[in-house]
């Protein structure tokens, strides 16, 4: 019992720390001290010795290194720069032997190397000037090719296949009538529009500047937060900040940057979603946003031409998902499964769609909370229930009500939760797999997906027949099958639809920025959310994990439109 009380106390202490950190972050943002917020992010990526460059090679974030070099200079980066040069040499060998290398790998390597004060010409030559595969990778490759030229200042030789002018013309021609950009379709995408804006904003032509301002206008008109696929998230917000800062919309950029505070976590990192766990990609992109604003206060741009800095010189020299158990080492761990202690799972979401959780024995307490204080009330309420202190319950309920904290309380054992049966008048076939990743395990991001969660055969939910009520959706089928086979599903619901983040602990972005879950029905990929697609008798529903925006799982529409 003491272990349980300790767990509840731990929850409350964590809440206090989180609230204090949130206030600290909000204060720094309100005061416009963007450099201080960037420093906090650097601390997340630094090693145990507190030194950034000593751990940069293992931090899995080239963008953190780029931002550090922009704000502090490249002193101490020699080992990191050498690693970059080796990487470029390996990519060059692949290209020379006829192999395919994503142009963006070379483009970004050139950008990073230039920030270290080293020569980027080989990477830019292969990734931009002589690249024949920009179209193969898609629109994003054209954007980053232009950014690489803006940052490095490399001049195109006479025999170049791509130049700053040709890249600018291609990007501008892809702009929608409303000023936005997207990988495919006519609807604007925040992330792609933002990247196009900060690429064009630093380009040296009136055409580019005009297009950048039109894109910035579109971003400024967005209300209620920045979204991707209809889901408000940290990375899209950060990208908008960078774009607005590049376009000179400082007030709007700072307004968007203040929204990032809700994604901050106690460890100094940032989450993809307001209720999620710390994510290295989200943290890196947030760092880029803060760095962009800090540089703008100096009169510089994050992706504009670099100031002259020699190698080794400083810039001065040169110029809630929260799972808490009594045993934190076992609770919620997909590798070791069960714990006999009660579990408290808090999910702060914009809708009442609960996260589905599995793998626990004992009492399962599901609390959906809307704030840190709501979570504190949840902890108090859980303690009251556990200790059977009925006099404590009214206080906890009152605290939750005052804070608007607890929306739903659902107490069931796992056996009761999974025993729920959904039956109806039609049958459909369902399965979920991640077979596309089996040949790409070398690209896995262990900070997102642990290799141990990938099934050897790629089967996440075995094929099964479901009996569902008429009018059920593809998402209903997923939840029903996951419940039957006790597979965890993380998703977010909003007015835009239901977005599946992970199935069986296999999460989006675990195999690159184009990876995540998609679904198909009878072999076709619907262009609507799974919760909006109505199933019929005999339908075959498959959720599949893609590493390439659908191109590797047969989604010809997305693959063709993404290049």
Protein backbone atom coordinates (compact mmCIF):
# COMPACT_ATOMS: atom_id res chain seq x y z
CA UNK A 1 0.00 0.00 0.00
CA UNK A 2 2.88 2.37 0.76
CA UNK A 3 4.19 1.79 -2.74
CA UNK A 4 0.85 2.90 -4.14
CA UNK A 5 0.78 5.99 -1.94
CA UNK A 6 4.32 6.78 -3.05
CA UNK A 7 3.23 6.50 -6.67
CA UNK A 8 0.38 8.92 -6.13
CA UNK A 9 2.70 11.33 -4.35
CA UNK A 10 5.09 11.04 -7.26
CA UNK A 11 2.29 12.04 -9.61
CA UNK A 12 1.50 15.13 -7.57
CA UNK A 13 5.16 16.14 -7.29
CA UNK A 14 5.60 15.69 -11.02
CA UNK A 15 2.56 17.88 -11.59
CA UNK A 16 4.02 20.65 -9.42
CA UNK A 17 7.34 20.46 -11.29
CA UNK A 18 5.55 20.52 -14.63
CA UNK A 19 3.49 23.55 -13.62
CA UNK A 20 6.59 25.38 -12.41
CA UNK A 21 8.39 24.57 -15.65
CA UNK A 22 5.41 25.69 -17.69
CA UNK A 23 5.31 29.02 -15.88
CA UNK A 24 9.08 29.42 -16.39
CA UNK A 25 8.76 28.68 -20.10
CA UNK A 26 5.77 30.98 -20.47
CA UNK A 27 7.65 33.77 -18.68
CA UNK A 28 10.65 33.45 -21.00
CA UNK A 29 8.35 33.47 -24.02
CA UNK A 30 6.40 36.47 -22.78
CA UNK A 31 9.63 38.38 -22.18
CA UNK A 32 10.88 37.57 -25.67
CA UNK A 33 13.95 35.76 -24.35
CA UNK A 34 14.03 33.26 -27.19
CA UNK A 35 17.74 32.58 -26.71
CA UNK A 36 17.03 31.37 -23.16
CA UNK A 37 14.40 28.96 -24.44
CA UNK A 38 16.85 27.71 -27.05
CA UNK A 39 19.43 27.12 -24.31
CA UNK A 40 16.92 24.98 -22.44
CA UNK A 41 16.52 22.83 -25.55
CA UNK A 42 20.30 22.56 -25.90
CA UNK A 43 20.34 21.18 -22.38
CA UNK A 44 18.00 18.40 -23.50
CA UNK A 45 20.43 17.39 -26.26
CA UNK A 46 23.63 17.83 -24.22
CA UNK A 47 25.48 14.98 -22.57
CA UNK A 48 25.70 14.24 -18.87
CA UNK A 49 28.73 16.53 -18.67
CA UNK A 50 26.61 19.42 -19.88
CA UNK A 51 28.81 19.92 -22.92
CA UNK A 52 26.91 20.07 -26.20
CA UNK A 53 29.54 19.10 -28.76
CA UNK A 54 30.79 16.16 -26.69
CA UNK A 55 27.46 14.42 -27.26
CA UNK A 56 26.41 15.95 -30.59
CA UNK A 57 27.46 12.90 -32.59
CA UNK A 58 25.11 10.72 -30.56
CA UNK A 59 22.24 13.17 -30.07
CA UNK A 60 20.39 12.03 -33.22
CA UNK A 61 19.68 15.65 -34.08
CA UNK A 62 21.70 17.44 -36.73
CA UNK A 63 19.28 20.33 -36.35
CA UNK A 64 20.29 20.83 -32.73
CA UNK A 65 23.91 20.99 -33.88
CA UNK A 66 23.00 23.47 -36.62
CA UNK A 67 21.18 25.73 -34.17
CA UNK A 68 24.01 25.53 -31.65
CA UNK A 69 26.53 26.54 -34.30
CA UNK A 70 24.33 29.44 -35.38
CA UNK A 71 23.98 30.80 -31.85
CA UNK A 72 27.36 29.85 -30.34
CA UNK A 73 29.70 29.20 -33.24
CA UNK A 74 31.52 26.02 -34.21
CA UNK A 75 34.25 25.92 -31.57
CA UNK A 76 34.57 22.32 -30.37
CA UNK A 77 32.69 20.88 -33.36
CA UNK A 78 35.68 19.30 -35.11
CA UNK A 79 34.70 15.70 -34.34
CA UNK A 80 31.12 16.34 -35.36
CA UNK A 81 32.18 18.02 -38.62
CA UNK A 82 34.47 15.08 -39.39
CA UNK A 83 31.52 12.75 -38.94
CA UNK A 84 29.51 14.86 -41.37
CA UNK A 85 32.30 14.77 -43.95
CA UNK A 86 32.50 10.98 -43.65
CA UNK A 87 28.75 10.76 -44.15
CA UNK A 88 28.94 12.89 -47.29
CA UNK A 89 31.76 10.72 -48.65
CA UNK A 90 29.67 7.59 -48.10
CA UNK A 91 26.67 9.16 -49.83
CA UNK A 92 28.89 10.25 -52.72
CA UNK A 93 30.12 6.68 -53.17
CA UNK A 94 26.53 5.45 -53.30
CA UNK A 95 25.66 8.02 -55.97
CA UNK A 96 28.76 7.23 -58.05
CA UNK A 97 27.92 3.53 -58.00
CA UNK A 98 24.42 4.21 -59.36
CA UNK A 99 22.58 3.93 -56.06
CA UNK A 100 19.77 6.24 -54.98
CA UNK A 101 20.34 8.79 -52.24
CA UNK A 102 17.60 11.16 -51.20
CA UNK A 103 18.71 14.61 -52.38
CA UNK A 104 17.62 16.09 -49.05
CA UNK A 105 20.23 13.99 -47.23
CA UNK A 106 22.99 15.67 -49.21
CA UNK A 107 21.36 19.10 -49.10
CA UNK A 108 21.01 19.08 -45.34
CA UNK A 109 24.48 17.63 -44.81
CA UNK A 110 25.84 20.55 -46.81
CA UNK A 111 23.85 23.00 -44.69
CA UNK A 112 25.15 21.47 -41.45
CA UNK A 113 28.74 21.37 -42.67
CA UNK A 114 28.63 25.01 -43.74
CA UNK A 115 27.40 25.97 -40.28
CA UNK A 116 30.51 24.29 -38.83
CA UNK A 117 32.66 26.51 -41.04
CA UNK A 118 33.66 23.64 -43.35
CA UNK A 119 33.44 23.33 -47.11
CA UNK A 120 29.95 22.19 -48.28
CA UNK A 121 30.64 22.16 -52.03
CA UNK A 122 30.63 18.38 -52.57
CA UNK A 123 27.29 17.92 -50.82
CA UNK A 124 25.72 20.85 -52.68
CA UNK A 125 27.14 19.69 -56.00
CA UNK A 126 25.62 16.22 -55.63
CA UNK A 127 22.42 17.20 -53.82
CA UNK A 128 21.54 20.27 -55.88
CA UNK A 129 23.55 21.24 -58.96
CA UNK A 130 23.94 17.76 -60.47
CA UNK A 131 20.96 16.01 -58.88
CA UNK A 132 18.70 14.24 -61.36
CA UNK A 133 16.44 12.87 -58.64
CA UNK A 134 14.74 15.93 -57.13
CA UNK A 135 11.51 14.95 -58.85
CA UNK A 136 11.84 11.38 -57.64
CA UNK A 137 11.84 12.48 -54.02
CA UNK A 138 9.20 15.15 -54.53
CA UNK A 139 8.44 18.79 -53.85
CA UNK A 140 10.31 18.81 -50.55
CA UNK A 141 13.59 18.18 -52.38
CA UNK A 142 13.17 21.35 -54.46
CA UNK A 143 12.50 23.39 -51.33
CA UNK A 144 15.57 22.13 -49.49
CA UNK A 145 17.73 22.48 -52.57
CA UNK A 146 16.94 26.20 -52.59
CA UNK A 147 17.52 26.44 -48.83
CA UNK A 148 20.92 24.76 -49.26
CA UNK A 149 21.90 27.39 -51.81
CA UNK A 150 20.59 30.22 -49.64
CA UNK A 151 22.53 29.05 -46.58
CA UNK A 152 25.82 27.97 -48.17
CA UNK A 153 26.02 30.68 -50.82
CA UNK A 154 27.33 28.16 -53.35
CA UNK A 155 27.27 29.42 -56.95
CA UNK A 156 25.95 27.17 -59.71
CA UNK A 157 28.51 26.13 -62.35
CA UNK A 158 27.60 26.47 -66.03
CA UNK A 159 26.61 22.81 -66.42
CA UNK A 160 24.19 22.77 -63.47
CA UNK A 161 20.93 20.88 -63.80
CA UNK A 162 19.41 22.99 -61.05
CA UNK A 163 20.06 26.61 -60.10
CA UNK A 164 18.62 29.06 -57.61
CA UNK A 165 16.53 30.57 -60.39
CA UNK A 166 15.15 27.28 -61.69
CA UNK A 167 14.36 26.08 -58.17
CA UNK A 168 12.61 29.34 -57.34
CA UNK A 169 10.54 29.16 -60.51
CA UNK A 170 9.51 25.56 -59.76
CA UNK A 171 8.46 26.35 -56.18
CA UNK A 172 6.56 29.52 -57.11
CA UNK A 173 4.73 27.68 -59.89
CA UNK A 174 3.54 25.15 -57.28
CA UNK A 175 1.90 27.78 -55.07
CA UNK A 176 -1.88 27.53 -54.70
CA UNK A 177 -4.15 30.46 -55.43
CA UNK A 178 -4.61 31.13 -51.71
CA UNK A 179 -0.83 31.40 -51.19
CA UNK A 180 -0.34 27.97 -49.61
CA UNK A 181 1.70 24.95 -50.72
CA UNK A 182 1.27 21.20 -50.30
CA UNK A 183 2.86 17.91 -51.28
CA UNK A 184 -0.27 16.89 -53.15
CA UNK A 185 -3.83 18.05 -53.72
CA UNK A 186 -5.21 21.57 -53.61
CA UNK A 187 -5.45 22.03 -49.86
CA UNK A 188 -2.68 23.95 -48.15
CA UNK A 189 -0.35 22.18 -45.71
CA UNK A 190 1.19 24.15 -42.84
CA UNK A 191 4.53 22.33 -42.80
CA UNK A 192 5.10 22.48 -46.56
CA UNK A 193 3.88 26.07 -46.81
CA UNK A 194 6.20 27.07 -43.99
CA UNK A 195 9.23 25.41 -45.59
CA UNK A 196 8.46 27.03 -48.94
CA UNK A 197 8.09 30.42 -47.26
CA UNK A 198 11.44 30.35 -45.48
CA UNK A 199 13.11 29.01 -48.62
CA UNK A 200 11.68 31.80 -50.79
CA UNK A 201 12.11 34.52 -48.16
CA UNK A 202 15.89 34.16 -48.33
CA UNK A 203 16.06 33.87 -52.13
CA UNK A 204 17.37 36.79 -54.15
CA UNK A 205 14.50 37.64 -56.49
CA UNK A 206 11.35 39.75 -56.41
CA UNK A 207 9.31 36.75 -57.56
CA UNK A 208 10.49 34.74 -54.57
CA UNK A 209 9.84 37.55 -52.10
CA UNK A 210 6.31 38.10 -53.37
CA UNK A 211 5.48 34.39 -53.15
CA UNK A 212 6.96 34.21 -49.64
CA UNK A 213 4.73 37.04 -48.46
CA UNK A 214 1.64 35.40 -49.97
CA UNK A 215 2.50 32.20 -48.13
CA UNK A 216 3.03 34.14 -44.90
CA UNK A 217 -0.38 35.77 -45.38
CA UNK A 218 -1.95 32.31 -45.56
CA UNK A 219 -0.19 31.24 -42.35
CA UNK A 220 -1.29 34.42 -40.57
CA UNK A 221 -4.93 33.71 -41.38
CA UNK A 222 -4.91 30.35 -39.58
CA UNK A 223 -6.79 30.42 -36.28
CA UNK A 224 -6.89 27.93 -33.44
CA UNK A 225 -3.36 26.58 -33.82
CA UNK A 226 -1.29 25.01 -36.57
CA UNK A 227 -2.23 21.53 -37.72
CA UNK A 228 -1.04 18.71 -39.93
CA UNK A 229 -3.59 16.21 -41.22
CA UNK A 230 -6.13 18.11 -39.14
CA UNK A 231 -4.24 17.58 -35.87
CA UNK A 232 -2.72 20.48 -33.94
CA UNK A 233 0.90 19.64 -33.16
CA UNK A 234 4.24 21.01 -32.03
CA UNK A 235 6.20 20.58 -35.25
CA UNK A 236 3.68 22.41 -37.42
CA UNK A 237 3.62 25.27 -34.94
CA UNK A 238 7.42 25.44 -34.90
CA UNK A 239 7.58 25.43 -38.70
CA UNK A 240 5.11 28.31 -38.84
CA UNK A 241 7.26 30.27 -36.39
CA UNK A 242 10.35 29.83 -38.59
CA UNK A 243 8.45 30.86 -41.71
CA UNK A 244 6.83 33.92 -40.17
CA UNK A 245 10.16 35.05 -38.72
CA UNK A 246 11.81 34.64 -42.13
CA UNK A 247 9.05 36.67 -43.78
CA UNK A 248 9.48 39.51 -41.29
CA UNK A 249 6.18 38.83 -39.50
CA UNK A 250 7.82 39.02 -36.08
CA UNK A 251 4.68 39.70 -34.04
CA UNK A 252 2.84 36.74 -35.55
CA UNK A 253 5.92 34.54 -35.20
CA UNK A 254 6.22 35.33 -31.50
CA UNK A 255 2.49 34.77 -31.02
CA UNK A 256 2.84 31.30 -32.56
CA UNK A 257 5.99 30.59 -30.53
CA UNK A 258 4.12 31.16 -27.29
CA UNK A 259 1.82 28.30 -28.25
CA UNK A 260 4.79 25.93 -27.98
CA UNK A 261 4.71 26.16 -24.18
CA UNK A 262 1.87 23.63 -23.98
CA UNK A 263 4.05 20.99 -25.66
CA UNK A 264 6.91 21.41 -23.18
CA UNK A 265 7.73 18.52 -20.85
CA UNK A 266 9.54 18.56 -17.47
CA UNK A 267 12.74 17.13 -18.98
CA UNK A 268 13.15 20.24 -21.12
CA UNK A 269 11.98 18.49 -24.26
CA UNK A 270 8.81 18.95 -26.29
CA UNK A 271 6.06 16.54 -27.34
CA UNK A 272 4.49 16.04 -30.75
CA UNK A 273 0.99 16.48 -29.29
CA UNK A 274 -0.15 18.43 -26.23
CA UNK A 275 -0.80 15.19 -24.34
CA UNK A 276 2.18 13.23 -25.64
CA UNK A 277 5.59 12.20 -24.37
CA UNK A 278 8.82 14.00 -25.16
CA UNK A 279 9.80 13.57 -28.79
CA UNK A 280 13.28 14.36 -30.12
CA UNK A 281 11.98 15.54 -33.48
CA UNK A 282 9.47 17.87 -31.85
CA UNK A 283 12.17 19.17 -29.51
CA UNK A 284 14.59 19.78 -32.37
CA UNK A 285 12.02 21.68 -34.42
CA UNK A 286 11.01 23.74 -31.40
CA UNK A 287 14.68 24.57 -30.94
CA UNK A 288 14.79 25.71 -34.57
CA UNK A 289 11.84 28.02 -33.91
CA UNK A 290 13.43 29.60 -30.84
CA UNK A 291 16.74 29.92 -32.69
CA UNK A 292 15.01 31.61 -35.62
CA UNK A 293 13.54 34.24 -33.29
CA UNK A 294 16.80 34.70 -31.39
CA UNK A 295 18.67 35.20 -34.67
CA UNK A 296 16.03 37.63 -35.94
CA UNK A 297 16.79 39.81 -32.92
CA UNK A 298 20.36 39.96 -34.25
CA UNK A 299 19.18 40.77 -37.74
CA UNK A 300 19.94 37.28 -39.05
CA UNK A 301 17.76 34.51 -40.46
CA UNK A 302 17.83 30.83 -39.58
CA UNK A 303 18.07 29.82 -43.24
CA UNK A 304 19.55 32.94 -44.78
CA UNK A 305 23.19 33.25 -45.86
CA UNK A 306 25.59 32.24 -43.10
CA UNK A 307 27.91 34.86 -41.64
CA UNK A 308 31.57 34.12 -42.30
CA UNK A 309 32.82 31.79 -39.56
CA UNK A 310 36.04 29.80 -39.79
CA UNK A 311 36.17 26.20 -38.53
CA UNK A 312 36.48 25.95 -34.78
CA UNK A 313 35.60 29.59 -34.03
CA UNK A 314 32.80 30.85 -31.87
CA UNK A 315 30.18 33.13 -33.37
CA UNK A 316 31.69 35.99 -31.41
CA UNK A 317 35.18 35.23 -32.74
CA UNK A 318 33.95 34.93 -36.28
CA UNK A 319 31.34 37.62 -36.23
CA UNK A 320 -0.79 13.79 -21.24
CA UNK A 321 0.16 10.63 -22.00
CA UNK A 322 1.38 10.02 -18.46
CA UNK A 323 1.54 6.46 -17.16
CA UNK A 324 2.55 6.31 -13.50
CA UNK A 325 2.59 3.16 -11.41
CA UNK A 326 3.95 2.15 -8.06
CA UNK A 327 6.84 0.59 -9.95
CA UNK A 328 7.86 2.97 -12.69
CA UNK A 329 10.27 0.44 -14.12
CA UNK A 330 7.50 -1.91 -15.13
CA UNK A 331 4.37 0.11 -15.70
CA UNK A 332 3.46 0.70 -19.29
CA UNK A 333 6.56 -1.01 -20.63
CA UNK A 334 5.79 -2.96 -23.80
CA UNK A 335 8.72 -5.28 -23.16
CA UNK A 336 7.88 -6.47 -19.66
CA UNK A 337 4.11 -6.15 -19.88
CA UNK A 338 2.24 -6.47 -16.61
CA UNK A 339 2.37 -4.97 -13.15
CA UNK A 340 0.25 -5.93 -10.18
CA UNK A 341 -0.02 -2.35 -8.98
CA UNK A 342 -2.85 -0.04 -10.05
CA UNK A 343 -2.07 2.19 -13.01
CA UNK A 344 -3.12 5.79 -13.57
CA UNK A 345 -3.22 6.85 -17.20
CA UNK A 346 -3.85 10.52 -17.89
CA UNK A 347 -4.48 11.84 -21.39
CA UNK A 348 -4.95 15.54 -22.03
CA UNK A 349 -6.83 15.75 -25.30
CA UNK A 350 -9.01 18.20 -27.17
CA UNK A 351 -11.78 15.65 -27.40
CA UNK A 352 -13.29 12.97 -25.25
CA UNK A 353 -11.73 10.17 -27.26
CA UNK A 354 -9.79 8.08 -24.71
CA UNK A 355 -6.51 6.38 -25.42
CA UNK A 356 -6.74 2.60 -25.33
CA UNK A 357 -4.29 0.93 -22.95
CA UNK A 358 -3.34 -2.71 -22.49
CA UNK A 359 -0.96 -5.01 -20.71
CA UNK A 360 -1.81 -4.38 -17.07
CA UNK A 361 -3.31 -6.48 -14.29
CA UNK A 362 -5.03 -5.14 -11.22
CA UNK A 363 -7.33 -2.13 -11.19
CA UNK A 364 -7.22 0.06 -14.28
CA UNK A 365 -8.16 3.67 -13.60
CA UNK A 366 -8.80 5.77 -16.68
CA UNK A 367 -8.74 9.53 -16.20
CA UNK A 368 -8.98 12.05 -18.98
CA UNK A 369 -7.68 15.35 -17.66
CA UNK A 370 -7.51 18.79 -19.17
CA UNK A 371 -4.80 20.38 -17.05
CA UNK A 372 -1.95 19.73 -14.66
CA UNK A 373 -4.17 20.64 -11.73
CA UNK A 374 -6.76 18.25 -13.04
CA UNK A 375 -4.13 15.52 -12.92
CA UNK A 376 -3.33 16.48 -9.34
CA UNK A 377 -7.01 16.09 -8.52
CA UNK A 378 -6.98 12.75 -10.31
CA UNK A 379 -4.07 11.65 -8.16
CA UNK A 380 -5.88 12.75 -5.02
CA UNK A 381 -9.02 10.95 -6.11
CA UNK A 382 -7.07 7.79 -6.90
CA UNK A 383 -5.44 7.92 -3.47
CA UNK A 384 -8.82 8.30 -1.85
CA UNK A 385 -10.18 5.30 -3.72
CA UNK A 386 -7.12 3.19 -3.00
CA UNK A 387 -7.12 4.02 0.71
CA UNK A 388 -10.91 3.99 0.90
CA UNK A 389 -10.84 7.44 2.49
CA UNK A 390 -14.30 8.61 1.49
CA UNK A 391 -13.81 11.96 3.18
CA UNK A 392 -11.05 12.77 0.67
CA UNK A 393 -13.18 12.13 -2.38
CA UNK A 394 -15.35 15.29 -2.22
CA UNK A 395 -12.20 17.42 -1.98
CA UNK A 396 -10.66 15.75 -4.99
CA UNK A 397 -13.85 16.05 -6.99
CA UNK A 398 -14.18 19.72 -6.03
CA UNK A 399 -10.56 20.42 -7.04
CA UNK A 400 -11.16 18.73 -10.37
CA UNK A 401 -14.36 20.67 -10.95
CA UNK A 402 -12.79 24.02 -10.10
CA UNK A 403 -9.89 23.35 -12.46
CA UNK A 404 -12.08 21.93 -15.18
CA UNK A 405 -9.79 18.99 -14.80
CA UNK A 406 -11.51 15.61 -14.86
CA UNK A 407 -13.83 14.93 -17.76
CA UNK A 408 -14.38 11.22 -17.36
CA UNK A 409 -13.71 8.64 -14.70
CA UNK A 410 -13.90 5.03 -15.76
CA UNK A 411 -12.69 2.36 -13.35
CA UNK A 412 -12.44 -1.17 -14.69
CA UNK A 413 -10.06 -4.08 -14.48
CA UNK A 414 -8.24 -4.94 -17.71
CA UNK A 415 -10.25 -8.13 -18.02
CA UNK A 416 -13.44 -6.11 -17.81
CA UNK A 417 -12.13 -3.56 -20.30
CA UNK A 418 -11.03 -6.11 -22.88
CA UNK A 419 -14.08 -8.29 -22.30
CA UNK A 420 -16.30 -5.65 -23.88
CA UNK A 421 -17.78 -7.09 -27.02
CA UNK A 422 -19.04 -5.12 -29.98
CA UNK A 423 -21.38 -7.12 -32.16
CA UNK A 424 -23.71 -6.18 -34.93
CA UNK A 425 -25.30 -7.04 -38.19
CA UNK A 426 -22.31 -7.09 -40.55
CA UNK A 427 -18.97 -8.85 -40.75
CA UNK A 428 -15.67 -7.35 -41.90
CA UNK A 429 -12.13 -8.67 -42.04
CA UNK A 430 -9.42 -6.72 -40.22
CA UNK A 431 -5.63 -6.77 -39.86
CA UNK A 432 -2.75 -4.41 -39.07
CA UNK A 433 0.90 -4.84 -39.99
CA UNK A 434 4.22 -3.02 -40.22
CA UNK A 435 5.85 -5.31 -42.77
CA UNK A 436 7.18 -2.31 -44.68
CA UNK A 437 9.72 -1.62 -41.92
CA UNK A 438 11.26 -5.09 -41.78
CA UNK A 439 13.78 -4.28 -44.48
CA UNK A 440 14.47 -0.82 -43.08
CA UNK A 441 15.40 -1.50 -39.49
CA UNK A 442 18.65 0.38 -40.04
CA UNK A 443 16.58 3.58 -40.34
CA UNK A 444 14.62 3.17 -37.11
CA UNK A 445 14.71 6.08 -34.67
CA UNK A 446 15.10 4.39 -31.26
CA UNK A 447 13.98 7.56 -29.51
CA UNK A 448 10.56 7.05 -31.14
CA UNK A 449 10.29 3.28 -31.63
CA UNK A 450 12.32 0.72 -29.73
CA UNK A 451 13.44 -2.07 -32.10
CA UNK A 452 12.07 -4.60 -29.62
CA UNK A 453 8.45 -3.55 -30.33
CA UNK A 454 8.67 -4.53 -34.02
CA UNK A 455 7.19 -8.05 -34.49
CA UNK A 456 9.54 -10.40 -36.39
CA UNK A 457 6.84 -11.08 -39.00
CA UNK A 458 5.50 -7.53 -39.03
CA UNK A 459 2.03 -8.62 -37.88
CA UNK A 460 0.69 -6.20 -35.27
CA UNK A 461 -2.96 -7.28 -35.24
CA UNK A 462 -3.56 -10.71 -36.73
CA UNK A 463 -6.21 -11.02 -39.42
CA UNK A 464 -9.60 -11.58 -37.85
CA UNK A 465 -13.30 -11.40 -38.59
CA UNK A 466 -15.28 -8.76 -36.73
CA UNK A 467 -19.01 -8.49 -36.21
CA UNK A 468 -19.88 -4.79 -36.16
CA UNK A 469 -23.06 -2.71 -36.05
CA UNK A 470 -24.26 -1.20 -39.31
CA UNK A 471 -22.69 2.19 -39.91
CA UNK A 472 -19.43 1.36 -38.15
CA UNK A 473 -16.27 3.05 -39.38
CA UNK A 474 -12.79 1.80 -40.22
CA UNK A 475 -11.65 3.30 -36.93
CA UNK A 476 -14.34 1.35 -35.06
CA UNK A 477 -12.93 -1.81 -36.63
CA UNK A 478 -9.41 -0.91 -35.47
CA UNK A 479 -10.47 -0.33 -31.88
CA UNK A 480 -12.59 -3.48 -31.79
CA UNK A 481 -9.79 -5.67 -33.15
CA UNK A 482 -7.19 -4.05 -30.90
CA UNK A 483 -9.39 -4.64 -27.88
CA UNK A 484 -9.92 -8.29 -28.79
CA UNK A 485 -6.20 -8.93 -29.27
CA UNK A 486 -5.12 -6.62 -26.42
CA UNK A 487 -3.04 -4.30 -28.59
CA UNK A 488 -2.44 -0.73 -27.51
CA UNK A 489 -3.68 2.05 -29.82
CA UNK A 490 -2.81 5.71 -29.31
CA UNK A 491 -4.98 8.21 -31.11
CA UNK A 492 -6.18 11.77 -30.90
CA UNK A 493 -9.70 12.91 -31.60
CA UNK A 494 -10.67 16.39 -32.69
CA UNK A 495 -13.34 18.19 -34.65
CA UNK A 496 -11.30 17.36 -37.75
CA UNK A 497 -11.36 13.62 -37.23
CA UNK A 498 -9.55 10.82 -35.46
CA UNK A 499 -5.81 10.55 -36.02
CA UNK A 500 -4.02 7.26 -35.23
CA UNK A 501 -0.60 7.91 -33.72
CA UNK A 502 0.57 4.40 -32.89
CA UNK A 503 -0.56 0.79 -32.89
CA UNK A 504 1.19 -1.78 -30.74
CA UNK A 505 3.71 0.85 -29.57
CA UNK A 506 4.83 1.39 -33.19
CA UNK A 507 4.57 5.15 -33.59
CA UNK A 508 4.52 7.69 -36.37
CA UNK A 509 7.88 9.23 -37.35
CA UNK A 510 9.71 6.14 -36.10
CA UNK A 511 11.23 5.55 -39.53
CA UNK A 512 11.61 9.10 -40.80
CA UNK A 513 9.43 12.13 -41.35
CA UNK A 514 7.21 10.37 -43.91
CA UNK A 515 6.43 7.35 -41.73
CA UNK A 516 3.19 6.55 -39.95
CA UNK A 517 -0.05 4.57 -40.10
CA UNK A 518 -2.41 4.47 -43.09
CA UNK A 519 -5.41 2.31 -43.84
CA UNK A 520 -6.99 0.76 -46.89
CA UNK A 521 -10.37 -0.82 -47.52
CA UNK A 522 -10.68 -3.52 -50.16
CA UNK A 523 -7.23 -2.58 -51.42
CA UNK A 524 -7.96 1.14 -51.85
CA UNK A 525 -6.67 4.01 -49.70
CA UNK A 526 -9.57 6.36 -48.81
CA UNK A 527 -8.72 10.07 -48.68
CA UNK A 528 -10.65 10.61 -45.43
CA UNK A 529 -9.97 9.85 -41.78
CA UNK A 530 -10.67 6.28 -40.69
CA UNK A 531 -13.42 7.51 -38.39
CA UNK A 532 -15.23 9.03 -41.36
CA UNK A 533 -15.16 5.97 -43.62
CA UNK A 534 -18.31 3.86 -43.27
CA UNK A 535 -17.85 0.11 -43.68
CA UNK A 536 -20.15 -2.38 -45.37
CA UNK A 537 -20.70 -6.12 -45.21
CA UNK A 538 -17.65 -8.08 -46.35
CA UNK A 539 -15.20 -5.17 -46.39
CA UNK A 540 -11.52 -5.95 -45.83
CA UNK A 541 -9.84 -3.33 -43.63
CA UNK A 542 -6.05 -3.16 -43.34
CA UNK A 543 -3.99 -0.71 -41.31
CA UNK A 544 -0.45 -0.59 -42.68
CA UNK A 545 2.65 1.27 -41.58
CA UNK A 546 4.38 3.30 -44.27
CA UNK A 547 7.92 4.65 -44.32
CA UNK A 548 7.37 6.73 -47.47
CA UNK A 549 3.99 8.49 -47.30
CA UNK A 550 2.28 5.42 -48.75
CA UNK A 551 4.65 4.83 -51.65
CA UNK A 552 5.95 1.60 -50.11
CA UNK A 553 2.51 0.15 -49.30
CA UNK A 554 0.74 0.70 -52.59
CA UNK A 555 -0.85 4.12 -52.17
CA UNK A 556 -0.30 5.25 -55.75
CA UNK A 557 -2.21 8.53 -55.25
CA UNK A 558 0.01 9.81 -52.45
CA UNK A 559 3.16 8.36 -54.01
CA UNK A 560 2.58 10.03 -57.39
CA UNK A 561 1.59 13.38 -55.94
CA UNK A 562 4.53 13.38 -53.53
CA UNK A 563 6.93 12.82 -56.41
